[in-house]
């Protein structure tokens, strides 16, 4: 078996059904993913379950795993999605299903569908941002790159990078807040602002 040293090796190992790769992935990213989940859920057991679900999902889909950016960025998005799912479940559990209008049907829908809708809404809103603004936002929030790194890679000043991120968040707030219940918007607000602390 080859020595597993970097993220590329980890991905290759997973695709070859190497359980050592999963163990290494777990050791390398467990604490970081748990910190992200704990920061929003403030519940250790739920946070741990979210992290476990991320790793379980990766192992189950290892043969078809597609990482378009960095492994770290992929994991950051995966844990955010798990947290959104947990928050949606809390919301659905708190509000018993009642007859509802089509406008607010998603408020009492199955939590998984709510989570999917939220993610689709965020993705669609990001896609509507100006090209450079969208690129900077994705590099910052999805690829987890620092403003300094983004500035260097795109040949921009850090101030310009900060401006693009601020503009992106403002636009996302405007696009996503219309008609959204307070609890749902709180989840969206966390999602578009959140960034893993290095």
N, C-alpha and C. Protein backbone atom coordinates (compact mmCIF):
# COMPACT_ATOMS: atom_id res chain seq x y z
N UNK A 1 0.84 -1.20 0.00
CA UNK A 1 0.00 0.00 0.00
C UNK A 1 0.88 1.26 0.00
N UNK A 2 0.53 2.27 -0.79
CA UNK A 2 1.31 3.50 -0.83
C UNK A 2 1.17 4.29 0.47
N UNK A 3 2.16 5.11 0.78
CA UNK A 3 2.12 5.95 1.97
C UNK A 3 1.13 7.10 1.72
N UNK A 4 0.26 7.35 2.71
CA UNK A 4 -0.72 8.42 2.58
C UNK A 4 -0.18 9.67 3.26
N UNK A 5 0.12 10.70 2.49
CA UNK A 5 0.72 11.91 3.06
C UNK A 5 -0.14 13.16 2.87
N UNK A 6 -0.68 13.38 1.67
CA UNK A 6 -1.43 14.60 1.43
C UNK A 6 -2.87 14.30 1.04
N UNK A 7 -3.64 15.36 0.80
CA UNK A 7 -5.06 15.19 0.49
C UNK A 7 -5.30 14.43 -0.81
N UNK A 8 -4.42 14.59 -1.76
CA UNK A 8 -4.56 13.86 -3.03
C UNK A 8 -4.41 12.36 -2.77
N UNK A 9 -3.43 12.02 -1.92
CA UNK A 9 -3.24 10.62 -1.55
C UNK A 9 -4.48 10.08 -0.83
N UNK A 10 -5.07 10.92 0.02
CA UNK A 10 -6.26 10.51 0.75
C UNK A 10 -7.40 10.18 -0.21
N UNK A 11 -7.62 11.06 -1.18
CA UNK A 11 -8.69 10.85 -2.15
C UNK A 11 -8.46 9.59 -2.97
N UNK A 12 -7.23 9.42 -3.41
CA UNK A 12 -6.89 8.23 -4.18
C UNK A 12 -7.08 6.96 -3.35
N UNK A 13 -6.70 7.06 -2.08
CA UNK A 13 -6.87 5.92 -1.18
C UNK A 13 -8.32 5.57 -0.96
N UNK A 14 -9.16 6.58 -0.79
CA UNK A 14 -10.59 6.35 -0.60
C UNK A 14 -11.18 5.65 -1.81
N UNK A 15 -10.81 6.11 -2.98
CA UNK A 15 -11.35 5.52 -4.22
C UNK A 15 -10.89 4.08 -4.40
N UNK A 16 -9.78 3.71 -3.73
CA UNK A 16 -9.26 2.34 -3.81
C UNK A 16 -9.72 1.50 -2.61
N UNK A 17 -10.72 2.03 -1.87
CA UNK A 17 -11.29 1.33 -0.71
C UNK A 17 -10.29 1.12 0.42
N UNK A 18 -9.31 2.01 0.51
CA UNK A 18 -8.29 1.92 1.55
C UNK A 18 -8.83 2.56 2.84
N UNK A 19 -9.11 1.73 3.83
CA UNK A 19 -9.68 2.24 5.08
C UNK A 19 -8.68 3.12 5.83
N UNK A 20 -7.40 2.95 5.56
CA UNK A 20 -6.40 3.82 6.19
C UNK A 20 -6.59 5.27 5.77
N UNK A 21 -7.05 5.46 4.52
CA UNK A 21 -7.28 6.82 4.03
C UNK A 21 -8.42 7.47 4.81
N UNK A 22 -9.47 6.69 5.09
CA UNK A 22 -10.58 7.22 5.87
C UNK A 22 -10.13 7.58 7.28
N UNK A 23 -9.31 6.70 7.88
CA UNK A 23 -8.81 6.96 9.23
C UNK A 23 -7.94 8.22 9.26
N UNK A 24 -7.11 8.39 8.23
CA UNK A 24 -6.25 9.56 8.15
C UNK A 24 -7.07 10.82 7.94
N UNK A 25 -8.08 10.72 7.08
CA UNK A 25 -8.99 11.84 6.84
C UNK A 25 -9.68 12.26 8.14
N UNK A 26 -10.12 11.27 8.88
CA UNK A 26 -10.78 11.48 10.17
C UNK A 26 -9.86 12.21 11.14
N UNK A 27 -8.63 11.70 11.26
CA UNK A 27 -7.66 12.30 12.19
C UNK A 27 -7.31 13.74 11.79
N UNK A 28 -7.21 13.97 10.50
CA UNK A 28 -6.76 15.26 9.99
C UNK A 28 -7.82 16.35 10.11
N UNK A 29 -9.09 15.98 9.93
CA UNK A 29 -10.14 17.01 9.84
C UNK A 29 -11.23 16.95 10.90
N UNK A 30 -11.20 15.93 11.76
CA UNK A 30 -12.26 15.78 12.76
C UNK A 30 -12.42 17.02 13.64
N UNK A 31 -11.34 17.48 14.24
CA UNK A 31 -11.40 18.61 15.18
C UNK A 31 -11.90 19.88 14.50
N UNK A 32 -11.42 20.13 13.29
CA UNK A 32 -11.81 21.34 12.57
C UNK A 32 -13.29 21.32 12.22
N UNK A 33 -13.78 20.18 11.73
CA UNK A 33 -15.20 20.08 11.37
C UNK A 33 -16.09 20.14 12.61
N UNK A 34 -15.63 19.55 13.70
CA UNK A 34 -16.39 19.59 14.94
C UNK A 34 -16.52 21.03 15.44
N UNK A 35 -15.45 21.81 15.31
CA UNK A 35 -15.47 23.21 15.74
C UNK A 35 -16.50 24.00 14.94
N UNK A 36 -16.58 23.74 13.64
CA UNK A 36 -17.55 24.45 12.79
C UNK A 36 -18.96 24.11 13.24
N UNK A 37 -19.23 22.81 13.47
CA UNK A 37 -20.57 22.38 13.87
C UNK A 37 -20.94 22.90 15.25
N UNK A 38 -20.00 22.83 16.19
CA UNK A 38 -20.26 23.30 17.55
C UNK A 38 -20.54 24.79 17.59
N UNK A 39 -19.86 25.54 16.75
CA UNK A 39 -20.01 26.99 16.72
C UNK A 39 -21.45 27.40 16.44
N UNK A 40 -22.15 26.61 15.62
CA UNK A 40 -23.52 26.97 15.26
C UNK A 40 -24.57 26.20 16.05
N UNK A 41 -24.32 24.93 16.32
CA UNK A 41 -25.32 24.11 16.98
C UNK A 41 -25.29 24.24 18.50
N UNK A 42 -24.09 24.51 19.06
CA UNK A 42 -23.92 24.62 20.51
C UNK A 42 -24.47 23.39 21.22
N UNK A 43 -24.24 22.24 20.62
CA UNK A 43 -24.70 20.97 21.19
C UNK A 43 -23.70 19.91 20.76
N UNK A 44 -22.92 19.42 21.73
CA UNK A 44 -21.79 18.55 21.39
C UNK A 44 -22.21 17.27 20.69
N UNK A 45 -23.25 16.61 21.18
CA UNK A 45 -23.67 15.35 20.57
C UNK A 45 -24.14 15.55 19.12
N UNK A 46 -24.94 16.58 18.91
CA UNK A 46 -25.42 16.86 17.56
C UNK A 46 -24.26 17.22 16.64
N UNK A 47 -23.32 18.00 17.15
CA UNK A 47 -22.16 18.40 16.35
C UNK A 47 -21.34 17.17 15.96
N UNK A 48 -21.13 16.26 16.91
CA UNK A 48 -20.37 15.05 16.63
C UNK A 48 -21.08 14.18 15.60
N UNK A 49 -22.41 14.11 15.70
CA UNK A 49 -23.18 13.33 14.74
C UNK A 49 -23.07 13.92 13.34
N UNK A 50 -23.05 15.24 13.26
CA UNK A 50 -22.89 15.90 11.96
C UNK A 50 -21.56 15.52 11.32
N UNK A 51 -20.50 15.55 12.12
CA UNK A 51 -19.17 15.21 11.60
C UNK A 51 -19.14 13.75 11.18
N UNK A 52 -19.71 12.87 12.00
CA UNK A 52 -19.74 11.45 11.66
C UNK A 52 -20.51 11.22 10.35
N UNK A 53 -21.61 11.95 10.17
CA UNK A 53 -22.40 11.81 8.95
C UNK A 53 -21.60 12.24 7.72
N UNK A 54 -20.76 13.27 7.89
CA UNK A 54 -19.92 13.73 6.78
C UNK A 54 -18.97 12.62 6.35
N UNK A 55 -18.26 12.03 7.33
CA UNK A 55 -17.30 10.97 7.02
C UNK A 55 -17.99 9.71 6.49
N UNK A 56 -19.15 9.40 7.05
CA UNK A 56 -19.89 8.23 6.59
C UNK A 56 -20.33 8.42 5.14
N UNK A 57 -20.80 9.63 4.83
CA UNK A 57 -21.22 9.92 3.46
C UNK A 57 -20.07 9.82 2.48
N UNK A 58 -18.90 10.30 2.89
CA UNK A 58 -17.72 10.22 2.02
C UNK A 58 -17.34 8.76 1.76
N UNK A 59 -17.37 7.95 2.81
CA UNK A 59 -16.99 6.54 2.64
C UNK A 59 -17.99 5.79 1.75
N UNK A 60 -19.28 6.08 1.95
CA UNK A 60 -20.31 5.42 1.15
C UNK A 60 -20.21 5.79 -0.32
N UNK A 61 -19.80 7.02 -0.59
CA UNK A 61 -19.74 7.51 -1.97
C UNK A 61 -18.30 7.59 -2.50
N UNK A 62 -17.40 6.87 -1.85
CA UNK A 62 -15.97 7.00 -2.17
C UNK A 62 -15.64 6.71 -3.64
N UNK A 63 -16.34 5.76 -4.24
CA UNK A 63 -16.02 5.40 -5.63
C UNK A 63 -16.47 6.46 -6.62
N UNK A 64 -17.45 7.28 -6.23
CA UNK A 64 -17.97 8.32 -7.12
C UNK A 64 -17.66 9.72 -6.60
N UNK A 65 -16.73 9.82 -5.68
CA UNK A 65 -16.41 11.10 -5.06
C UNK A 65 -15.78 12.07 -6.06
N UNK A 66 -16.39 13.25 -6.18
CA UNK A 66 -15.88 14.26 -7.10
C UNK A 66 -15.55 15.52 -6.30
N UNK A 67 -14.29 15.92 -6.27
CA UNK A 67 -13.85 17.12 -5.57
C UNK A 67 -13.42 18.13 -6.62
N UNK A 68 -14.21 19.19 -6.79
CA UNK A 68 -13.90 20.16 -7.84
C UNK A 68 -12.88 21.20 -7.39
N UNK A 69 -12.76 21.41 -6.08
CA UNK A 69 -11.79 22.39 -5.58
C UNK A 69 -10.81 21.67 -4.64
N UNK A 70 -10.74 22.09 -3.40
CA UNK A 70 -9.85 21.43 -2.44
C UNK A 70 -10.66 20.49 -1.54
N UNK A 71 -10.01 19.51 -0.99
CA UNK A 71 -10.67 18.59 -0.06
C UNK A 71 -11.16 19.35 1.16
N UNK A 72 -10.36 20.28 1.65
CA UNK A 72 -10.75 21.07 2.81
C UNK A 72 -12.01 21.88 2.52
N UNK A 73 -12.07 22.47 1.33
CA UNK A 73 -13.26 23.23 0.95
C UNK A 73 -14.48 22.34 0.83
N UNK A 74 -14.28 21.15 0.27
CA UNK A 74 -15.38 20.18 0.12
C UNK A 74 -15.94 19.81 1.50
N UNK A 75 -15.04 19.54 2.44
CA UNK A 75 -15.47 19.15 3.79
C UNK A 75 -16.17 20.30 4.51
N UNK A 76 -15.70 21.53 4.28
CA UNK A 76 -16.32 22.69 4.91
C UNK A 76 -17.76 22.84 4.44
N UNK A 77 -17.99 22.66 3.14
CA UNK A 77 -19.35 22.75 2.60
C UNK A 77 -20.20 21.59 3.13
N UNK A 78 -19.60 20.40 3.21
CA UNK A 78 -20.33 19.22 3.68
C UNK A 78 -20.80 19.39 5.12
N UNK A 79 -19.94 19.92 6.00
CA UNK A 79 -20.35 20.09 7.40
C UNK A 79 -21.37 21.21 7.53
N UNK A 80 -21.26 22.25 6.71
CA UNK A 80 -22.26 23.31 6.74
C UNK A 80 -23.62 22.77 6.33
N UNK A 81 -23.64 21.90 5.34
CA UNK A 81 -24.90 21.30 4.91
C UNK A 81 -25.51 20.43 6.00
N UNK A 82 -24.65 19.69 6.71
CA UNK A 82 -25.13 18.87 7.81
C UNK A 82 -25.72 19.73 8.93
N UNK A 83 -25.07 20.84 9.22
CA UNK A 83 -25.56 21.75 10.25
C UNK A 83 -26.89 22.36 9.83
N UNK A 84 -27.00 22.77 8.57
CA UNK A 84 -28.26 23.31 8.07
C UNK A 84 -29.38 22.29 8.22
N UNK A 85 -29.06 21.03 7.96
CA UNK A 85 -30.05 19.96 8.08
C UNK A 85 -30.51 19.83 9.53
N UNK A 86 -29.57 19.91 10.46
CA UNK A 86 -29.92 19.81 11.89
C UNK A 86 -30.78 20.99 12.33
N UNK A 87 -30.43 22.18 11.88
CA UNK A 87 -31.21 23.36 12.25
C UNK A 87 -32.60 23.29 11.66
N UNK A 88 -32.70 22.78 10.44
CA UNK A 88 -34.01 22.63 9.80
C UNK A 88 -34.86 21.60 10.57
N UNK A 89 -34.22 20.53 11.06
CA UNK A 89 -34.94 19.53 11.84
C UNK A 89 -35.46 20.14 13.14
N UNK A 90 -34.64 20.95 13.77
CA UNK A 90 -35.07 21.63 15.01
C UNK A 90 -36.30 22.49 14.74
N UNK A 91 -36.24 23.21 13.62
CA UNK A 91 -37.33 24.10 13.26
C UNK A 91 -38.60 23.32 12.96
N UNK A 92 -38.46 22.23 12.19
CA UNK A 92 -39.62 21.42 11.82
C UNK A 92 -40.23 20.75 13.06
N UNK A 93 -39.38 20.33 13.99
CA UNK A 93 -39.85 19.68 15.21
C UNK A 93 -40.59 20.66 16.11
N UNK A 94 -40.10 21.90 16.14
CA UNK A 94 -40.71 22.92 17.00
C UNK A 94 -42.08 23.34 16.50
N UNK A 95 -42.24 23.33 15.17
CA UNK A 95 -43.50 23.77 14.58
C UNK A 95 -44.25 22.57 14.02
N UNK A 96 -45.29 22.13 14.74
CA UNK A 96 -46.07 20.99 14.28
C UNK A 96 -46.73 21.30 12.95
N UNK A 97 -46.77 20.32 12.03
CA UNK A 97 -47.38 20.54 10.71
C UNK A 97 -48.84 20.97 10.84
N UNK A 98 -49.20 22.03 10.13
CA UNK A 98 -50.56 22.56 10.12
C UNK A 98 -50.92 22.91 8.69
N UNK A 99 -52.23 23.08 8.39
CA UNK A 99 -52.59 23.53 7.04
C UNK A 99 -51.87 24.82 6.73
N UNK A 100 -51.34 24.93 5.53
CA UNK A 100 -50.54 26.10 5.20
C UNK A 100 -50.72 26.51 3.76
N UNK A 101 -50.42 27.76 3.49
CA UNK A 101 -50.52 28.28 2.14
C UNK A 101 -49.31 27.85 1.35
N UNK A 102 -49.39 27.89 0.03
CA UNK A 102 -48.26 27.51 -0.80
C UNK A 102 -47.06 28.40 -0.54
N UNK A 103 -47.32 29.66 -0.19
CA UNK A 103 -46.24 30.62 0.03
C UNK A 103 -45.29 30.17 1.13
N UNK A 104 -45.86 29.61 2.21
CA UNK A 104 -45.02 29.22 3.34
C UNK A 104 -45.00 27.72 3.56
N UNK A 105 -45.24 26.97 2.50
CA UNK A 105 -45.29 25.51 2.61
C UNK A 105 -43.98 24.93 3.11
N UNK A 106 -42.87 25.57 2.72
CA UNK A 106 -41.57 25.02 3.10
C UNK A 106 -41.30 25.14 4.59
N UNK A 107 -42.08 25.93 5.33
CA UNK A 107 -41.82 26.11 6.75
C UNK A 107 -42.01 24.81 7.52
N UNK A 108 -42.99 23.98 7.09
CA UNK A 108 -43.26 22.75 7.82
C UNK A 108 -42.97 21.52 6.97
N UNK A 109 -42.20 21.67 5.93
CA UNK A 109 -41.84 20.54 5.07
C UNK A 109 -40.83 19.65 5.76
N UNK A 110 -40.63 18.48 5.20
CA UNK A 110 -39.61 17.58 5.72
C UNK A 110 -38.28 18.29 5.79
N UNK A 111 -37.53 18.10 6.89
CA UNK A 111 -36.30 18.87 7.11
C UNK A 111 -35.28 18.68 6.00
N UNK A 112 -35.21 17.49 5.43
CA UNK A 112 -34.24 17.26 4.36
C UNK A 112 -34.57 18.11 3.14
N UNK A 113 -35.87 18.21 2.81
CA UNK A 113 -36.28 19.03 1.68
C UNK A 113 -36.02 20.51 1.96
N UNK A 114 -36.24 20.90 3.22
CA UNK A 114 -35.96 22.29 3.60
C UNK A 114 -34.48 22.59 3.39
N UNK A 115 -33.63 21.69 3.83
CA UNK A 115 -32.19 21.88 3.69
C UNK A 115 -31.79 21.96 2.22
N UNK A 116 -32.35 21.08 1.40
CA UNK A 116 -32.05 21.09 -0.03
C UNK A 116 -32.48 22.41 -0.65
N UNK A 117 -33.65 22.88 -0.26
CA UNK A 117 -34.15 24.15 -0.80
C UNK A 117 -33.25 25.31 -0.40
N UNK A 118 -32.79 25.30 0.85
CA UNK A 118 -31.90 26.36 1.32
C UNK A 118 -30.60 26.37 0.54
N UNK A 119 -30.02 25.18 0.34
CA UNK A 119 -28.76 25.09 -0.38
C UNK A 119 -28.94 25.55 -1.83
N UNK A 120 -30.04 25.12 -2.45
CA UNK A 120 -30.30 25.52 -3.84
C UNK A 120 -30.48 27.03 -3.93
N UNK A 121 -31.15 27.60 -2.92
CA UNK A 121 -31.38 29.05 -2.92
C UNK A 121 -30.06 29.80 -2.82
N UNK A 122 -29.18 29.32 -1.94
CA UNK A 122 -27.87 29.97 -1.78
C UNK A 122 -27.05 29.83 -3.05
N UNK A 123 -27.01 28.61 -3.60
CA UNK A 123 -26.23 28.37 -4.83
C UNK A 123 -26.73 29.24 -5.98
N UNK A 124 -28.06 29.35 -6.10
CA UNK A 124 -28.64 30.15 -7.18
C UNK A 124 -28.31 31.63 -6.99
N UNK A 125 -28.34 32.08 -5.74
CA UNK A 125 -28.04 33.48 -5.46
C UNK A 125 -26.56 33.79 -5.75
N UNK A 126 -25.68 32.86 -5.41
CA UNK A 126 -24.25 33.04 -5.68
C UNK A 126 -24.02 33.15 -7.19
N UNK A 127 -24.74 32.32 -7.94
CA UNK A 127 -24.57 32.29 -9.40
C UNK A 127 -25.00 33.60 -10.05
N UNK A 128 -25.80 34.39 -9.35
CA UNK A 128 -26.27 35.66 -9.89
C UNK A 128 -25.33 36.83 -9.60
N UNK A 129 -24.30 36.58 -8.81
CA UNK A 129 -23.35 37.64 -8.49
C UNK A 129 -22.50 37.97 -9.72
N UNK A 130 -21.96 39.20 -9.79
CA UNK A 130 -21.03 39.54 -10.87
C UNK A 130 -19.88 38.53 -10.88
N UNK A 131 -19.32 38.25 -12.04
CA UNK A 131 -18.32 37.18 -12.20
C UNK A 131 -17.16 37.28 -11.21
N UNK A 132 -16.52 38.43 -11.10
CA UNK A 132 -15.37 38.58 -10.21
C UNK A 132 -15.79 38.49 -8.75
N UNK A 133 -16.93 39.07 -8.44
CA UNK A 133 -17.46 39.03 -7.08
C UNK A 133 -17.77 37.58 -6.68
N UNK A 134 -18.36 36.83 -7.59
CA UNK A 134 -18.68 35.43 -7.36
C UNK A 134 -17.42 34.60 -7.15
N UNK A 135 -16.40 34.86 -7.96
CA UNK A 135 -15.15 34.13 -7.86
C UNK A 135 -14.49 34.35 -6.50
N UNK A 136 -14.43 35.62 -6.09
CA UNK A 136 -13.81 35.96 -4.81
C UNK A 136 -14.58 35.33 -3.65
N UNK A 137 -15.92 35.40 -3.71
CA UNK A 137 -16.74 34.83 -2.64
C UNK A 137 -16.54 33.32 -2.54
N UNK A 138 -16.52 32.63 -3.67
CA UNK A 138 -16.33 31.18 -3.66
C UNK A 138 -14.95 30.81 -3.11
N UNK A 139 -13.93 31.57 -3.52
CA UNK A 139 -12.58 31.29 -3.03
C UNK A 139 -12.49 31.50 -1.52
N UNK A 140 -13.23 32.49 -1.02
CA UNK A 140 -13.20 32.81 0.40
C UNK A 140 -14.04 31.85 1.22
N UNK A 141 -15.32 31.68 0.84
CA UNK A 141 -16.24 30.90 1.66
C UNK A 141 -16.26 29.42 1.36
N UNK A 142 -15.97 29.04 0.13
CA UNK A 142 -16.03 27.62 -0.23
C UNK A 142 -14.65 26.98 -0.21
N UNK A 143 -13.68 27.65 -0.82
CA UNK A 143 -12.32 27.10 -0.84
C UNK A 143 -11.54 27.45 0.42
N UNK A 144 -12.13 28.31 1.27
CA UNK A 144 -11.54 28.67 2.56
C UNK A 144 -10.18 29.35 2.45
N UNK A 145 -9.98 30.14 1.40
CA UNK A 145 -8.71 30.83 1.22
C UNK A 145 -8.74 32.18 1.93
N UNK A 146 -7.58 32.61 2.42
CA UNK A 146 -7.49 33.89 3.10
C UNK A 146 -7.58 35.02 2.09
N UNK A 147 -7.91 36.22 2.57
CA UNK A 147 -7.98 37.38 1.68
C UNK A 147 -6.63 37.64 1.02
N UNK A 148 -5.56 37.42 1.78
CA UNK A 148 -4.21 37.64 1.26
C UNK A 148 -3.91 36.69 0.10
N UNK A 149 -4.30 35.41 0.26
CA UNK A 149 -4.07 34.42 -0.79
C UNK A 149 -4.88 34.74 -2.03
N UNK A 150 -6.14 35.12 -1.82
CA UNK A 150 -7.02 35.46 -2.94
C UNK A 150 -6.45 36.65 -3.70
N UNK A 151 -6.02 37.66 -2.96
CA UNK A 151 -5.46 38.87 -3.58
C UNK A 151 -4.26 38.52 -4.44
N UNK A 152 -3.41 37.64 -3.92
CA UNK A 152 -2.20 37.25 -4.65
C UNK A 152 -2.55 36.46 -5.91
N UNK A 153 -3.47 35.52 -5.80
CA UNK A 153 -3.83 34.67 -6.94
C UNK A 153 -4.56 35.45 -8.04
N UNK A 154 -5.34 36.45 -7.65
CA UNK A 154 -6.11 37.21 -8.63
C UNK A 154 -5.47 38.55 -8.98
N UNK A 155 -4.30 38.80 -8.40
CA UNK A 155 -3.58 40.05 -8.66
C UNK A 155 -4.44 41.27 -8.28
N UNK A 156 -5.01 41.20 -7.08
CA UNK A 156 -5.84 42.28 -6.55
C UNK A 156 -5.28 42.73 -5.21
N UNK A 157 -5.71 43.89 -4.76
CA UNK A 157 -5.33 44.33 -3.41
C UNK A 157 -6.25 43.64 -2.41
N UNK A 158 -5.78 43.48 -1.17
CA UNK A 158 -6.61 42.86 -0.15
C UNK A 158 -7.87 43.69 0.10
N UNK A 159 -7.75 45.00 -0.02
CA UNK A 159 -8.90 45.88 0.17
C UNK A 159 -9.96 45.60 -0.89
N UNK A 160 -9.52 45.35 -2.12
CA UNK A 160 -10.46 45.05 -3.20
C UNK A 160 -11.14 43.71 -2.94
N UNK A 161 -10.39 42.74 -2.45
CA UNK A 161 -10.95 41.44 -2.11
C UNK A 161 -12.02 41.58 -1.04
N UNK A 162 -11.70 42.35 0.00
CA UNK A 162 -12.66 42.59 1.08
C UNK A 162 -13.92 43.25 0.54
N UNK A 163 -13.74 44.17 -0.41
CA UNK A 163 -14.87 44.86 -1.02
C UNK A 163 -15.77 43.90 -1.78
N UNK A 164 -15.17 42.97 -2.51
CA UNK A 164 -15.95 41.98 -3.26
C UNK A 164 -16.74 41.07 -2.31
N UNK A 165 -16.11 40.65 -1.21
CA UNK A 165 -16.78 39.78 -0.25
C UNK A 165 -17.96 40.50 0.40
N UNK A 166 -17.72 41.76 0.79
CA UNK A 166 -18.79 42.56 1.40
C UNK A 166 -19.95 42.73 0.42
N UNK A 167 -19.62 43.03 -0.82
CA UNK A 167 -20.64 43.21 -1.85
C UNK A 167 -21.42 41.91 -2.07
N UNK A 168 -20.71 40.80 -2.09
CA UNK A 168 -21.35 39.49 -2.29
C UNK A 168 -22.35 39.20 -1.17
N UNK A 169 -21.92 39.40 0.07
CA UNK A 169 -22.79 39.13 1.21
C UNK A 169 -24.02 40.04 1.19
N UNK A 170 -23.83 41.30 0.87
CA UNK A 170 -24.95 42.23 0.78
C UNK A 170 -25.95 41.80 -0.28
N UNK A 171 -25.43 41.39 -1.44
CA UNK A 171 -26.31 40.94 -2.53
C UNK A 171 -27.05 39.66 -2.16
N UNK A 172 -26.34 38.74 -1.50
CA UNK A 172 -26.97 37.49 -1.10
C UNK A 172 -28.07 37.74 -0.07
N UNK A 173 -27.79 38.64 0.87
CA UNK A 173 -28.81 38.98 1.86
C UNK A 173 -30.07 39.52 1.19
N UNK A 174 -29.85 40.40 0.22
CA UNK A 174 -30.98 41.03 -0.47
C UNK A 174 -31.79 40.00 -1.25
N UNK A 175 -31.10 39.08 -1.94
CA UNK A 175 -31.77 38.09 -2.77
C UNK A 175 -32.48 37.03 -1.94
N UNK A 176 -31.89 36.66 -0.80
CA UNK A 176 -32.40 35.54 -0.03
C UNK A 176 -33.39 35.91 1.08
N UNK A 177 -33.38 37.16 1.52
CA UNK A 177 -34.18 37.53 2.68
C UNK A 177 -35.66 37.74 2.35
N UNK A 178 -35.97 38.02 1.11
CA UNK A 178 -37.35 38.33 0.74
C UNK A 178 -38.30 37.16 1.01
N UNK A 179 -39.23 37.37 1.94
CA UNK A 179 -40.26 36.37 2.22
C UNK A 179 -39.81 35.22 3.09
N UNK A 180 -38.57 35.19 3.51
CA UNK A 180 -38.09 34.07 4.33
C UNK A 180 -38.43 34.28 5.80
N UNK A 181 -38.96 33.26 6.49
CA UNK A 181 -39.23 33.36 7.92
C UNK A 181 -37.94 33.65 8.67
N UNK A 182 -38.05 34.26 9.83
CA UNK A 182 -36.88 34.67 10.59
C UNK A 182 -35.93 33.52 10.88
N UNK A 183 -36.47 32.36 11.29
CA UNK A 183 -35.61 31.23 11.63
C UNK A 183 -34.86 30.74 10.40
N UNK A 184 -35.56 30.65 9.26
CA UNK A 184 -34.92 30.21 8.03
C UNK A 184 -33.85 31.21 7.61
N UNK A 185 -34.15 32.51 7.73
CA UNK A 185 -33.16 33.50 7.35
C UNK A 185 -31.94 33.46 8.24
N UNK A 186 -32.15 33.15 9.53
CA UNK A 186 -31.02 33.03 10.44
C UNK A 186 -30.06 31.94 9.96
N UNK A 187 -30.61 30.83 9.49
CA UNK A 187 -29.77 29.75 8.96
C UNK A 187 -29.03 30.22 7.72
N UNK A 188 -29.75 30.89 6.81
CA UNK A 188 -29.13 31.40 5.59
C UNK A 188 -28.05 32.42 5.90
N UNK A 189 -28.32 33.29 6.86
CA UNK A 189 -27.36 34.32 7.24
C UNK A 189 -26.05 33.68 7.72
N UNK A 190 -26.17 32.65 8.54
CA UNK A 190 -24.97 31.95 9.02
C UNK A 190 -24.25 31.31 7.85
N UNK A 191 -25.00 30.70 6.94
CA UNK A 191 -24.38 29.97 5.83
C UNK A 191 -23.58 30.88 4.93
N UNK A 192 -24.13 32.05 4.55
CA UNK A 192 -23.42 32.89 3.59
C UNK A 192 -22.28 33.67 4.25
N UNK A 193 -22.34 33.82 5.58
CA UNK A 193 -21.26 34.55 6.26
C UNK A 193 -20.18 33.63 6.80
N UNK A 194 -20.52 32.36 7.02
CA UNK A 194 -19.60 31.48 7.73
C UNK A 194 -18.35 31.16 6.92
N UNK A 195 -17.27 31.04 7.66
CA UNK A 195 -15.98 30.69 7.06
C UNK A 195 -15.16 29.97 8.13
N UNK A 196 -14.56 28.87 7.74
CA UNK A 196 -13.73 28.13 8.68
C UNK A 196 -12.57 28.99 9.15
N UNK A 197 -12.36 29.02 10.45
CA UNK A 197 -11.23 29.76 11.01
C UNK A 197 -9.99 28.89 10.95
N UNK A 198 -8.95 29.39 10.27
CA UNK A 198 -7.73 28.61 10.15
C UNK A 198 -6.92 28.65 11.44
